[in-house]
């Protein structure tokens, strides 16, 4: 995700960058080793994360990414959290953060793409 995008995806464990804007944790489960008041978190929007079933289906199978992205987009179709994120994006740059090791192959990247394409 380029630094010029309005919505970016990053690992929660990375330091806060001055261009991050509003950071939003988009994991359903709180990340290990991160305190509730950690500035790397920002807002926690767990309802924007994929369902447990979808996450477990995708976990450990990076070759399923395209299908995962399609299924995740369908899950987001009627998701109020997505609408809340869209409103947030109209006011500031947003960095979606996740504990995942592979940000580019994660739900955060899919969500950033959706929000950037509006």
PDB file of N, CA and C in Angstrom:
ATOM      1  N   UNK A   1       0.855  -1.162   0.000  1.00  0.00           N
ATOM      2  CA  UNK A   1       0.000   0.000   0.000  1.00  0.00           C
ATOM      3  C   UNK A   1       0.900   1.224   0.000  1.00  0.00           C
ATOM      4  N   UNK A   2       0.675   2.135  -0.908  1.00  0.00           N
ATOM      5  CA  UNK A   2       1.538   3.297  -1.025  1.00  0.00           C
ATOM      6  C   UNK A   2       1.213   4.337   0.041  1.00  0.00           C
ATOM      7  N   UNK A   3       2.179   5.133   0.357  1.00  0.00           N
ATOM      8  CA  UNK A   3       2.002   6.203   1.342  1.00  0.00           C
ATOM      9  C   UNK A   3       1.081   7.290   0.800  1.00  0.00           C
ATOM     10  N   UNK A   4       0.798   7.285  -0.512  1.00  0.00           N
ATOM     11  CA  UNK A   4      -0.087   8.283  -1.104  1.00  0.00           C
ATOM     12  C   UNK A   4      -1.554   7.883  -1.038  1.00  0.00           C
ATOM     13  N   UNK A   5      -1.846   6.661  -0.651  1.00  0.00           N
ATOM     14  CA  UNK A   5      -3.227   6.198  -0.560  1.00  0.00           C
ATOM     15  C   UNK A   5      -3.919   6.850   0.629  1.00  0.00           C
ATOM     16  N   UNK A   6      -5.205   7.048   0.503  1.00  0.00           N
ATOM     17  CA  UNK A   6      -6.008   7.620   1.593  1.00  0.00           C
ATOM     18  C   UNK A   6      -6.170   6.594   2.725  1.00  0.00           C
ATOM     19  N   UNK A   7      -6.216   5.310   2.368  1.00  0.00           N
ATOM     20  CA  UNK A   7      -6.327   4.231   3.352  1.00  0.00           C
ATOM     21  C   UNK A   7      -5.156   3.283   3.132  1.00  0.00           C
ATOM     22  N   UNK A   8      -4.482   2.970   4.202  1.00  0.00           N
ATOM     23  CA  UNK A   8      -3.312   2.098   4.145  1.00  0.00           C
ATOM     24  C   UNK A   8      -3.499   0.925   5.089  1.00  0.00           C
ATOM     25  N   UNK A   9      -2.674  -0.088   4.919  1.00  0.00           N
ATOM     26  CA  UNK A   9      -2.669  -1.244   5.824  1.00  0.00           C
ATOM     27  C   UNK A   9      -1.253  -1.412   6.364  1.00  0.00           C
ATOM     28  N   UNK A  10      -1.150  -1.745   7.652  1.00  0.00           N
ATOM     29  CA  UNK A  10       0.155  -1.913   8.287  1.00  0.00           C
ATOM     30  C   UNK A  10       0.037  -2.907   9.437  1.00  0.00           C
ATOM     31  N   UNK A  11       1.192  -3.358   9.914  1.00  0.00           N
ATOM     32  CA  UNK A  11       1.213  -4.231  11.107  1.00  0.00           C
ATOM     33  C   UNK A  11       1.076  -3.376  12.353  1.00  0.00           C
ATOM     34  N   UNK A  12       0.342  -3.869  13.306  1.00  0.00           N
ATOM     35  CA  UNK A  12       0.143  -3.166  14.572  1.00  0.00           C
ATOM     36  C   UNK A  12       1.469  -2.976  15.304  1.00  0.00           C
ATOM     37  N   UNK A  13       2.434  -3.851  15.069  1.00  0.00           N
ATOM     38  CA  UNK A  13       3.702  -3.827  15.785  1.00  0.00           C
ATOM     39  C   UNK A  13       4.682  -2.799  15.222  1.00  0.00           C
ATOM     40  N   UNK A  14       4.346  -2.178  14.091  1.00  0.00           N
ATOM     41  CA  UNK A  14       5.203  -1.136  13.521  1.00  0.00           C
ATOM     42  C   UNK A  14       4.983   0.169  14.267  1.00  0.00           C
ATOM     43  N   UNK A  15       6.037   0.984  14.325  1.00  0.00           N
ATOM     44  CA  UNK A  15       5.918   2.283  14.977  1.00  0.00           C
ATOM     45  C   UNK A  15       4.936   3.167  14.226  1.00  0.00           C
ATOM     46  N   UNK A  16       4.342   4.093  14.948  1.00  0.00           N
ATOM     47  CA  UNK A  16       3.428   5.066  14.351  1.00  0.00           C
ATOM     48  C   UNK A  16       4.233   5.979  13.436  1.00  0.00           C
ATOM     49  N   UNK A  17       3.737   6.180  12.219  1.00  0.00           N
ATOM     50  CA  UNK A  17       4.373   7.068  11.238  1.00  0.00           C
ATOM     51  C   UNK A  17       3.586   8.379  11.222  1.00  0.00           C
ATOM     52  N   UNK A  18       4.256   9.508  11.049  1.00  0.00           N
ATOM     53  CA  UNK A  18       3.543  10.789  11.045  1.00  0.00           C
ATOM     54  C   UNK A  18       2.434  10.886   9.987  1.00  0.00           C
ATOM     55  N   UNK A  19       2.539  10.139   8.907  1.00  0.00           N
ATOM     56  CA  UNK A  19       1.538  10.183   7.838  1.00  0.00           C
ATOM     57  C   UNK A  19       0.416   9.159   8.023  1.00  0.00           C
ATOM     58  N   UNK A  20       0.389   8.439   9.141  1.00  0.00           N
ATOM     59  CA  UNK A  20      -0.613   7.393   9.350  1.00  0.00           C
ATOM     60  C   UNK A  20      -2.031   7.920   9.477  1.00  0.00           C
ATOM     61  N   UNK A  21      -2.195   9.131   9.915  1.00  0.00           N
ATOM     62  CA  UNK A  21      -3.544   9.629  10.156  1.00  0.00           C
ATOM     63  C   UNK A  21      -4.163   8.851  11.306  1.00  0.00           C
ATOM     64  N   UNK A  22      -5.443   8.536  11.184  1.00  0.00           N
ATOM     65  CA  UNK A  22      -6.147   7.761  12.218  1.00  0.00           C
ATOM     66  C   UNK A  22      -5.823   6.293  12.054  1.00  0.00           C
ATOM     67  N   UNK A  23      -5.276   5.669  13.080  1.00  0.00           N
ATOM     68  CA  UNK A  23      -4.999   4.231  13.044  1.00  0.00           C
ATOM     69  C   UNK A  23      -6.224   3.488  13.552  1.00  0.00           C
ATOM     70  N   UNK A  24      -6.556   2.385  12.867  1.00  0.00           N
ATOM     71  CA  UNK A  24      -7.734   1.596  13.227  1.00  0.00           C
ATOM     72  C   UNK A  24      -7.340   0.118  13.246  1.00  0.00           C
ATOM     73  N   UNK A  25      -7.454  -0.498  14.404  1.00  0.00           N
ATOM     74  CA  UNK A  25      -7.204  -1.934  14.539  1.00  0.00           C
ATOM     75  C   UNK A  25      -8.414  -2.673  13.982  1.00  0.00           C
ATOM     76  N   UNK A  26      -8.194  -3.519  12.983  1.00  0.00           N
ATOM     77  CA  UNK A  26      -9.297  -4.220  12.315  1.00  0.00           C
ATOM     78  C   UNK A  26      -9.248  -5.736  12.535  1.00  0.00           C
ATOM     79  N   UNK A  27      -8.686  -6.155  13.648  1.00  0.00           N
ATOM     80  CA  UNK A  27      -8.665  -7.577  14.027  1.00  0.00           C
ATOM     81  C   UNK A  27      -9.797  -7.846  15.014  1.00  0.00           C
ATOM     82  N   UNK A  28     -10.365  -9.025  14.934  1.00  0.00           N
ATOM     83  CA  UNK A  28     -11.434  -9.414  15.857  1.00  0.00           C
ATOM     84  C   UNK A  28     -10.866  -9.752  17.244  1.00  0.00           C
ATOM     85  N   UNK A  29      -9.628 -10.250  17.255  1.00  0.00           N
ATOM     86  CA  UNK A  29      -8.960 -10.642  18.494  1.00  0.00           C
ATOM     87  C   UNK A  29      -7.887  -9.616  18.818  1.00  0.00           C
ATOM     88  N   UNK A  30      -7.805  -9.222  20.090  1.00  0.00           N
ATOM     89  CA  UNK A  30      -6.799  -8.243  20.505  1.00  0.00           C
ATOM     90  C   UNK A  30      -5.402  -8.830  20.320  1.00  0.00           C
ATOM     91  N   UNK A  31      -4.463  -8.067  19.721  1.00  0.00           N
ATOM     92  CA  UNK A  31      -3.122  -8.585  19.449  1.00  0.00           C
ATOM     93  C   UNK A  31      -2.276  -8.784  20.711  1.00  0.00           C
ATOM     94  N   UNK A  32      -1.494  -9.839  20.699  1.00  0.00           N
ATOM     95  CA  UNK A  32      -0.610 -10.165  21.823  1.00  0.00           C
ATOM     96  C   UNK A  32       0.422  -9.066  22.044  1.00  0.00           C
ATOM     97  N   UNK A  33       0.676  -8.791  23.300  1.00  0.00           N
ATOM     98  CA  UNK A  33       1.740  -7.860  23.656  1.00  0.00           C
ATOM     99  C   UNK A  33       1.388  -6.391  23.470  1.00  0.00           C
ATOM    100  N   UNK A  34       0.162  -6.096  23.139  1.00  0.00           N
ATOM    101  CA  UNK A  34      -0.258  -4.705  22.922  1.00  0.00           C
ATOM    102  C   UNK A  34      -1.194  -4.302  24.060  1.00  0.00           C
ATOM    103  N   UNK A  35      -0.832  -3.232  24.746  1.00  0.00           N
ATOM    104  CA  UNK A  35      -1.685  -2.711  25.826  1.00  0.00           C
ATOM    105  C   UNK A  35      -2.892  -1.999  25.230  1.00  0.00           C
ATOM    106  N   UNK A  36      -3.942  -1.891  25.987  1.00  0.00           N
ATOM    107  CA  UNK A  36      -5.170  -1.221  25.521  1.00  0.00           C
ATOM    108  C   UNK A  36      -4.936   0.251  25.211  1.00  0.00           C
ATOM    109  N   UNK A  37      -3.987   0.887  25.870  1.00  0.00           N
ATOM    110  CA  UNK A  37      -3.729   2.307  25.653  1.00  0.00           C
ATOM    111  C   UNK A  37      -2.542   2.566  24.711  1.00  0.00           C
ATOM    112  N   UNK A  38      -2.089   1.548  24.008  1.00  0.00           N
ATOM    113  CA  UNK A  38      -0.946   1.677  23.100  1.00  0.00           C
ATOM    114  C   UNK A  38      -1.306   2.612  21.935  1.00  0.00           C
ATOM    115  N   UNK A  39      -0.485   3.616  21.650  1.00  0.00           N
ATOM    116  CA  UNK A  39      -0.795   4.558  20.564  1.00  0.00           C
ATOM    117  C   UNK A  39      -0.770   3.927  19.163  1.00  0.00           C
ATOM    118  N   UNK A  40      -0.223   2.729  19.046  1.00  0.00           N
ATOM    119  CA  UNK A  40      -0.214   2.057  17.740  1.00  0.00           C
ATOM    120  C   UNK A  40      -1.586   1.516  17.365  1.00  0.00           C
ATOM    121  N   UNK A  41      -2.518   1.498  18.326  1.00  0.00           N
ATOM    122  CA  UNK A  41      -3.847   0.950  18.088  1.00  0.00           C
ATOM    123  C   UNK A  41      -4.787   1.982  17.487  1.00  0.00           C
ATOM    124  N   UNK A  42      -4.975   3.097  18.145  1.00  0.00           N
ATOM    125  CA  UNK A  42      -5.980   4.067  17.707  1.00  0.00           C
ATOM    126  C   UNK A  42      -7.363   3.568  18.098  1.00  0.00           C
ATOM    127  N   UNK A  43      -8.236   3.383  17.122  1.00  0.00           N
ATOM    128  CA  UNK A  43      -9.605   2.899  17.324  1.00  0.00           C
ATOM    129  C   UNK A  43      -9.630   1.391  17.063  1.00  0.00           C
ATOM    130  N   UNK A  44     -10.413   0.660  17.838  1.00  0.00           N
ATOM    131  CA  UNK A  44     -10.574  -0.780  17.585  1.00  0.00           C
ATOM    132  C   UNK A  44     -11.915  -0.994  16.909  1.00  0.00           C
ATOM    133  N   UNK A  45     -11.874  -1.495  15.686  1.00  0.00           N
ATOM    134  CA  UNK A  45     -13.086  -1.750  14.904  1.00  0.00           C
ATOM    135  C   UNK A  45     -13.143  -3.246  14.582  1.00  0.00           C
ATOM    136  N   UNK A  46     -13.380  -4.055  15.607  1.00  0.00           N
ATOM    137  CA  UNK A  46     -13.337  -5.512  15.450  1.00  0.00           C
ATOM    138  C   UNK A  46     -14.439  -6.045  14.541  1.00  0.00           C
ATOM    139  N   UNK A  47     -15.534  -5.303  14.405  1.00  0.00           N
ATOM    140  CA  UNK A  47     -16.632  -5.784  13.562  1.00  0.00           C
ATOM    141  C   UNK A  47     -16.325  -5.688  12.063  1.00  0.00           C
ATOM    142  N   UNK A  48     -15.220  -5.045  11.717  1.00  0.00           N
ATOM    143  CA  UNK A  48     -14.805  -4.994  10.313  1.00  0.00           C
ATOM    144  C   UNK A  48     -13.959  -6.207   9.924  1.00  0.00           C
ATOM    145  N   UNK A  49     -13.591  -7.015  10.897  1.00  0.00           N
ATOM    146  CA  UNK A  49     -12.761  -8.200  10.640  1.00  0.00           C
ATOM    147  C   UNK A  49     -13.598  -9.311  10.008  1.00  0.00           C
ATOM    148  N   UNK A  50     -12.946 -10.218   9.289  1.00  0.00           N
ATOM    149  CA  UNK A  50     -13.684 -11.362   8.722  1.00  0.00           C
ATOM    150  C   UNK A  50     -14.227 -12.265   9.826  1.00  0.00           C
ATOM    151  N   UNK A  51     -15.240 -13.029   9.490  1.00  0.00           N
ATOM    152  CA  UNK A  51     -15.808 -13.979  10.446  1.00  0.00           C
ATOM    153  C   UNK A  51     -14.757 -15.005  10.856  1.00  0.00           C
ATOM    154  N   UNK A  52     -14.988 -15.614  11.989  1.00  0.00           N
ATOM    155  CA  UNK A  52     -14.080 -16.653  12.471  1.00  0.00           C
ATOM    156  C   UNK A  52     -13.982 -17.788  11.459  1.00  0.00           C
ATOM    157  N   UNK A  53     -15.123 -18.164  10.887  1.00  0.00           N
ATOM    158  CA  UNK A  53     -15.140 -19.268   9.918  1.00  0.00           C
ATOM    159  C   UNK A  53     -14.282 -18.942   8.690  1.00  0.00           C
ATOM    160  N   UNK A  54     -14.414 -17.734   8.175  1.00  0.00           N
ATOM    161  CA  UNK A  54     -13.637 -17.344   6.996  1.00  0.00           C
ATOM    162  C   UNK A  54     -12.155 -17.242   7.342  1.00  0.00           C
ATOM    163  N   UNK A  55     -11.867 -16.672   8.497  1.00  0.00           N
ATOM    164  CA  UNK A  55     -10.466 -16.535   8.916  1.00  0.00           C
ATOM    165  C   UNK A  55      -9.824 -17.909   9.060  1.00  0.00           C
ATOM    166  N   UNK A  56     -10.511 -18.857   9.671  1.00  0.00           N
ATOM    167  CA  UNK A  56      -9.961 -20.202   9.846  1.00  0.00           C
ATOM    168  C   UNK A  56      -9.813 -20.926   8.509  1.00  0.00           C
ATOM    169  N   UNK A  57     -10.744 -20.709   7.579  1.00  0.00           N
ATOM    170  CA  UNK A  57     -10.663 -21.333   6.257  1.00  0.00           C
ATOM    171  C   UNK A  57      -9.428 -20.839   5.504  1.00  0.00           C
ATOM    172  N   UNK A  58      -9.123 -19.558   5.637  1.00  0.00           N
ATOM    173  CA  UNK A  58      -8.004 -18.948   4.906  1.00  0.00           C
ATOM    174  C   UNK A  58      -6.651 -19.179   5.584  1.00  0.00           C
ATOM    175  N   UNK A  59      -6.620 -19.274   6.888  1.00  0.00           N
ATOM    176  CA  UNK A  59      -5.381 -19.354   7.650  1.00  0.00           C
ATOM    177  C   UNK A  59      -4.454 -20.456   7.132  1.00  0.00           C
ATOM    178  N   UNK A  60      -3.226 -20.065   6.814  1.00  0.00           N
ATOM    179  CA  UNK A  60      -2.223 -21.029   6.374  1.00  0.00           C
ATOM    180  C   UNK A  60      -2.331 -21.445   4.920  1.00  0.00           C
ATOM    181  N   UNK A  61      -3.213 -20.788   4.150  1.00  0.00           N
ATOM    182  CA  UNK A  61      -3.392 -21.129   2.739  1.00  0.00           C
ATOM    183  C   UNK A  61      -3.343 -19.856   1.879  1.00  0.00           C
ATOM    184  N   UNK A  62      -2.152 -19.275   1.715  1.00  0.00           N
ATOM    185  CA  UNK A  62      -2.061 -18.023   0.952  1.00  0.00           C
ATOM    186  C   UNK A  62      -2.537 -18.154  -0.500  1.00  0.00           C
ATOM    187  N   UNK A  63      -2.544 -19.374  -1.022  1.00  0.00           N
ATOM    188  CA  UNK A  63      -3.025 -19.583  -2.390  1.00  0.00           C
ATOM    189  C   UNK A  63      -4.536 -19.328  -2.498  1.00  0.00           C
ATOM    190  N   UNK A  64      -5.220 -19.238  -1.394  1.00  0.00           N
ATOM    191  CA  UNK A  64      -6.664 -18.982  -1.382  1.00  0.00           C
ATOM    192  C   UNK A  64      -7.000 -17.483  -1.292  1.00  0.00           C
ATOM    193  N   UNK A  65      -5.996 -16.625  -1.403  1.00  0.00           N
ATOM    194  CA  UNK A  65      -6.225 -15.201  -1.157  1.00  0.00           C
ATOM    195  C   UNK A  65      -7.327 -14.605  -2.036  1.00  0.00           C
ATOM    196  N   UNK A  66      -7.323 -14.887  -3.328  1.00  0.00           N
ATOM    197  CA  UNK A  66      -8.335 -14.299  -4.216  1.00  0.00           C
ATOM    198  C   UNK A  66      -9.748 -14.715  -3.800  1.00  0.00           C
ATOM    199  N   UNK A  67      -9.923 -15.983  -3.463  1.00  0.00           N
ATOM    200  CA  UNK A  67     -11.229 -16.467  -3.013  1.00  0.00           C
ATOM    201  C   UNK A  67     -11.576 -15.870  -1.646  1.00  0.00           C
ATOM    202  N   UNK A  68     -10.569 -15.769  -0.784  1.00  0.00           N
ATOM    203  CA  UNK A  68     -10.774 -15.142   0.520  1.00  0.00           C
ATOM    204  C   UNK A  68     -11.264 -13.704   0.347  1.00  0.00           C
ATOM    205  N   UNK A  69     -10.618 -12.952  -0.540  1.00  0.00           N
ATOM    206  CA  UNK A  69     -10.994 -11.554  -0.768  1.00  0.00           C
ATOM    207  C   UNK A  69     -12.447 -11.452  -1.240  1.00  0.00           C
ATOM    208  N   UNK A  70     -12.850 -12.328  -2.148  1.00  0.00           N
ATOM    209  CA  UNK A  70     -14.238 -12.327  -2.633  1.00  0.00           C
ATOM    210  C   UNK A  70     -15.226 -12.631  -1.504  1.00  0.00           C
ATOM    211  N   UNK A  71     -14.918 -13.650  -0.719  1.00  0.00           N
ATOM    212  CA  UNK A  71     -15.808 -14.030   0.384  1.00  0.00           C
ATOM    213  C   UNK A  71     -15.875 -12.922   1.447  1.00  0.00           C
ATOM    214  N   UNK A  72     -14.740 -12.303   1.711  1.00  0.00           N
ATOM    215  CA  UNK A  72     -14.695 -11.235   2.703  1.00  0.00           C
ATOM    216  C   UNK A  72     -15.501 -10.020   2.232  1.00  0.00           C
ATOM    217  N   UNK A  73     -15.373  -9.682   0.957  1.00  0.00           N
ATOM    218  CA  UNK A  73     -16.169  -8.572   0.407  1.00  0.00           C
ATOM    219  C   UNK A  73     -17.661  -8.846   0.552  1.00  0.00           C
ATOM    220  N   UNK A  74     -18.076 -10.092   0.341  1.00  0.00           N
ATOM    221  CA  UNK A  74     -19.491 -10.451   0.518  1.00  0.00           C
ATOM    222  C   UNK A  74     -19.911 -10.274   1.970  1.00  0.00           C
ATOM    223  N   UNK A  75     -19.036 -10.664   2.903  1.00  0.00           N
ATOM    224  CA  UNK A  75     -19.352 -10.476   4.313  1.00  0.00           C
ATOM    225  C   UNK A  75     -19.515  -8.999   4.669  1.00  0.00           C
ATOM    226  N   UNK A  76     -18.754  -8.157   4.009  1.00  0.00           N
ATOM    227  CA  UNK A  76     -18.787  -6.727   4.308  1.00  0.00           C
ATOM    228  C   UNK A  76     -19.970  -5.993   3.679  1.00  0.00           C
ATOM    229  N   UNK A  77     -20.693  -6.664   2.801  1.00  0.00           N
ATOM    230  CA  UNK A  77     -21.765  -6.013   2.042  1.00  0.00           C
ATOM    231  C   UNK A  77     -22.760  -5.261   2.926  1.00  0.00           C
ATOM    232  N   UNK A  78     -23.183  -5.829   4.015  1.00  0.00           N
ATOM    233  CA  UNK A  78     -24.165  -5.187   4.898  1.00  0.00           C
ATOM    234  C   UNK A  78     -23.570  -4.859   6.264  1.00  0.00           C
ATOM    235  N   UNK A  79     -22.285  -4.630   6.297  1.00  0.00           N
ATOM    236  CA  UNK A  79     -21.592  -4.435   7.561  1.00  0.00           C
ATOM    237  C   UNK A  79     -21.590  -2.957   7.960  1.00  0.00           C
ATOM    238  N   UNK A  80     -22.162  -2.664   9.101  1.00  0.00           N
ATOM    239  CA  UNK A  80     -22.214  -1.289   9.602  1.00  0.00           C
ATOM    240  C   UNK A  80     -20.812  -0.739   9.855  1.00  0.00           C
ATOM    241  N   UNK A  81     -19.896  -1.596  10.277  1.00  0.00           N
ATOM    242  CA  UNK A  81     -18.523  -1.166  10.547  1.00  0.00           C
ATOM    243  C   UNK A  81     -17.864  -0.612   9.285  1.00  0.00           C
ATOM    244  N   UNK A  82     -18.166  -1.193   8.131  1.00  0.00           N
ATOM    245  CA  UNK A  82     -17.617  -0.688   6.875  1.00  0.00           C
ATOM    246  C   UNK A  82     -18.114   0.731   6.617  1.00  0.00           C
ATOM    247  N   UNK A  83     -19.364   0.973   6.876  1.00  0.00           N
ATOM    248  CA  UNK A  83     -19.918   2.320   6.697  1.00  0.00           C
ATOM    249  C   UNK A  83     -19.259   3.312   7.653  1.00  0.00           C
ATOM    250  N   UNK A  84     -19.000   2.886   8.876  1.00  0.00           N
ATOM    251  CA  UNK A  84     -18.317   3.753   9.838  1.00  0.00           C
ATOM    252  C   UNK A  84     -16.912   4.083   9.361  1.00  0.00           C
ATOM    253  N   UNK A  85     -16.213   3.098   8.798  1.00  0.00           N
ATOM    254  CA  UNK A  85     -14.872   3.341   8.263  1.00  0.00           C
ATOM    255  C   UNK A  85     -14.926   4.286   7.066  1.00  0.00           C
ATOM    256  N   UNK A  86     -15.929   4.135   6.218  1.00  0.00           N
ATOM    257  CA  UNK A  86     -16.075   5.049   5.074  1.00  0.00           C
ATOM    258  C   UNK A  86     -16.241   6.494   5.539  1.00  0.00           C
ATOM    259  N   UNK A  87     -17.010   6.699   6.593  1.00  0.00           N
ATOM    260  CA  UNK A  87     -17.181   8.045   7.143  1.00  0.00           C
ATOM    261  C   UNK A  87     -15.859   8.580   7.679  1.00  0.00           C
ATOM    262  N   UNK A  88     -15.113   7.735   8.361  1.00  0.00           N
ATOM    263  CA  UNK A  88     -13.829   8.128   8.923  1.00  0.00           C
ATOM    264  C   UNK A  88     -12.857   8.554   7.816  1.00  0.00           C
ATOM    265  N   UNK A  89     -12.881   7.830   6.711  1.00  0.00           N
ATOM    266  CA  UNK A  89     -11.978   8.108   5.595  1.00  0.00           C
ATOM    267  C   UNK A  89     -12.280   9.473   4.959  1.00  0.00           C
ATOM    268  N   UNK A  90     -13.517   9.924   5.042  1.00  0.00           N
ATOM    269  CA  UNK A  90     -13.843  11.232   4.457  1.00  0.00           C
ATOM    270  C   UNK A  90     -13.218  12.370   5.248  1.00  0.00           C
ATOM    271  N   UNK A  91     -12.820  12.106   6.500  1.00  0.00           N
ATOM    272  CA  UNK A  91     -12.276  13.154   7.363  1.00  0.00           C
ATOM    273  C   UNK A  91     -10.759  13.120   7.502  1.00  0.00           C
ATOM    274  N   UNK A  92     -10.151  11.965   7.270  1.00  0.00           N
ATOM    275  CA  UNK A  92      -8.704  11.877   7.455  1.00  0.00           C
ATOM    276  C   UNK A  92      -8.121  10.663   6.742  1.00  0.00           C
ATOM    277  N   UNK A  93      -6.810  10.657   6.664  1.00  0.00           N
ATOM    278  CA  UNK A  93      -6.092   9.471   6.206  1.00  0.00           C
ATOM    279  C   UNK A  93      -6.284   8.409   7.284  1.00  0.00           C
ATOM    280  N   UNK A  94      -6.427   7.160   6.867  1.00  0.00           N
ATOM    281  CA  UNK A  94      -6.656   6.060   7.808  1.00  0.00           C
ATOM    282  C   UNK A  94      -5.628   4.964   7.545  1.00  0.00           C
ATOM    283  N   UNK A  95      -5.038   4.462   8.608  1.00  0.00           N
ATOM    284  CA  UNK A  95      -4.155   3.302   8.517  1.00  0.00           C
ATOM    285  C   UNK A  95      -4.816   2.160   9.266  1.00  0.00           C
ATOM    286  N   UNK A  96      -5.170   1.123   8.523  1.00  0.00           N
ATOM    287  CA  UNK A  96      -5.771  -0.082   9.095  1.00  0.00           C
ATOM    288  C   UNK A  96      -4.640  -0.959   9.614  1.00  0.00           C
ATOM    289  N   UNK A  97      -4.677  -1.304  10.883  1.00  0.00           N
ATOM    290  CA  UNK A  97      -3.604  -2.111  11.452  1.00  0.00           C
ATOM    291  C   UNK A  97      -4.124  -3.478  11.875  1.00  0.00           C
ATOM    292  N   UNK A  98      -3.225  -4.448  11.762  1.00  0.00           N
ATOM    293  CA  UNK A  98      -3.549  -5.838  12.070  1.00  0.00           C
ATOM    294  C   UNK A  98      -2.299  -6.521  12.606  1.00  0.00           C
ATOM    295  N   UNK A  99      -2.489  -7.578  13.365  1.00  0.00           N
ATOM    296  CA  UNK A  99      -1.363  -8.339  13.896  1.00  0.00           C
ATOM    297  C   UNK A  99      -0.793  -9.318  12.877  1.00  0.00           C
ATOM    298  N   UNK A 100      -1.414  -9.449  11.725  1.00  0.00           N
ATOM    299  CA  UNK A 100      -0.967 -10.404  10.725  1.00  0.00           C
ATOM    300  C   UNK A 100       0.484 -10.151  10.301  1.00  0.00           C
ATOM    301  N   UNK A 101       1.176 -11.212   9.955  1.00  0.00           N
ATOM    302  CA  UNK A 101       2.562 -11.072   9.487  1.00  0.00           C
ATOM    303  C   UNK A 101       2.616 -10.631   8.029  1.00  0.00           C
ATOM    304  N   UNK A 102       1.662 -11.076   7.234  1.00  0.00           N
ATOM    305  CA  UNK A 102       1.627 -10.759   5.808  1.00  0.00           C
ATOM    306  C   UNK A 102       0.496  -9.765   5.542  1.00  0.00           C
ATOM    307  N   UNK A 103       0.785  -8.499   5.703  1.00  0.00           N
ATOM    308  CA  UNK A 103      -0.242  -7.466   5.553  1.00  0.00           C
ATOM    309  C   UNK A 103      -0.826  -7.475   4.142  1.00  0.00           C
ATOM    310  N   UNK A 104       0.015  -7.641   3.127  1.00  0.00           N
ATOM    311  CA  UNK A 104      -0.478  -7.606   1.742  1.00  0.00           C
ATOM    312  C   UNK A 104      -1.424  -8.755   1.419  1.00  0.00           C
ATOM    313  N   UNK A 105      -1.347  -9.840   2.150  1.00  0.00           N
ATOM    314  CA  UNK A 105      -2.229 -10.982   1.932  1.00  0.00           C
ATOM    315  C   UNK A 105      -3.262 -11.114   3.037  1.00  0.00           C
ATOM    316  N   UNK A 106      -3.680  -9.988   3.587  1.00  0.00           N
ATOM    317  CA  UNK A 106      -4.585 -10.024   4.735  1.00  0.00           C
ATOM    318  C   UNK A 106      -5.902  -9.313   4.463  1.00  0.00           C
ATOM    319  N   UNK A 107      -6.813  -9.457   5.409  1.00  0.00           N
ATOM    320  CA  UNK A 107      -8.091  -8.754   5.336  1.00  0.00           C
ATOM    321  C   UNK A 107      -7.891  -7.239   5.377  1.00  0.00           C
ATOM    322  N   UNK A 108      -6.844  -6.774   6.062  1.00  0.00           N
ATOM    323  CA  UNK A 108      -6.586  -5.331   6.129  1.00  0.00           C
ATOM    324  C   UNK A 108      -6.292  -4.776   4.741  1.00  0.00           C
ATOM    325  N   UNK A 109      -5.556  -5.518   3.928  1.00  0.00           N
ATOM    326  CA  UNK A 109      -5.268  -5.077   2.563  1.00  0.00           C
ATOM    327  C   UNK A 109      -6.533  -5.065   1.714  1.00  0.00           C
ATOM    328  N   UNK A 110      -7.378  -6.069   1.873  1.00  0.00           N
ATOM    329  CA  UNK A 110      -8.648  -6.132   1.136  1.00  0.00           C
ATOM    330  C   UNK A 110      -9.528  -4.951   1.541  1.00  0.00           C
ATOM    331  N   UNK A 111      -9.619  -4.705   2.815  1.00  0.00           N
ATOM    332  CA  UNK A 111     -10.427  -3.607   3.334  1.00  0.00           C
ATOM    333  C   UNK A 111      -9.895  -2.250   2.855  1.00  0.00           C
ATOM    334  N   UNK A 112      -8.582  -2.079   2.855  1.00  0.00           N
ATOM    335  CA  UNK A 112      -7.987  -0.838   2.355  1.00  0.00           C
ATOM    336  C   UNK A 112      -8.315  -0.633   0.877  1.00  0.00           C
ATOM    337  N   UNK A 113      -8.238  -1.706   0.088  1.00  0.00           N
ATOM    338  CA  UNK A 113      -8.561  -1.595  -1.329  1.00  0.00           C
ATOM    339  C   UNK A 113     -10.010  -1.166  -1.528  1.00  0.00           C
ATOM    340  N   UNK A 114     -10.909  -1.768  -0.762  1.00  0.00           N
ATOM    341  CA  UNK A 114     -12.330  -1.424  -0.853  1.00  0.00           C
ATOM    342  C   UNK A 114     -12.547   0.050  -0.505  1.00  0.00           C
ATOM    343  N   UNK A 115     -11.952   0.481   0.585  1.00  0.00           N
ATOM    344  CA  UNK A 115     -12.129   1.860   1.024  1.00  0.00           C
ATOM    345  C   UNK A 115     -11.479   2.874   0.090  1.00  0.00           C
ATOM    346  N   UNK A 116     -10.376   2.492  -0.537  1.00  0.00           N
ATOM    347  CA  UNK A 116      -9.707   3.387  -1.496  1.00  0.00           C
ATOM    348  C   UNK A 116     -10.449   3.484  -2.813  1.00  0.00           C
ATOM    349  N   UNK A 117     -11.275   2.505  -3.116  1.00  0.00           N
ATOM    350  CA  UNK A 117     -11.963   2.485  -4.414  1.00  0.00           C
ATOM    351  C   UNK A 117     -13.303   3.200  -4.397  1.00  0.00           C
ATOM    352  N   UNK A 118     -13.708   3.731  -3.282  1.00  0.00           N
ATOM    353  CA  UNK A 118     -15.025   4.372  -3.172  1.00  0.00           C
ATOM    354  C   UNK A 118     -15.172   5.550  -4.014  1.00  0.00           C
TER     355      UNK A 118
END
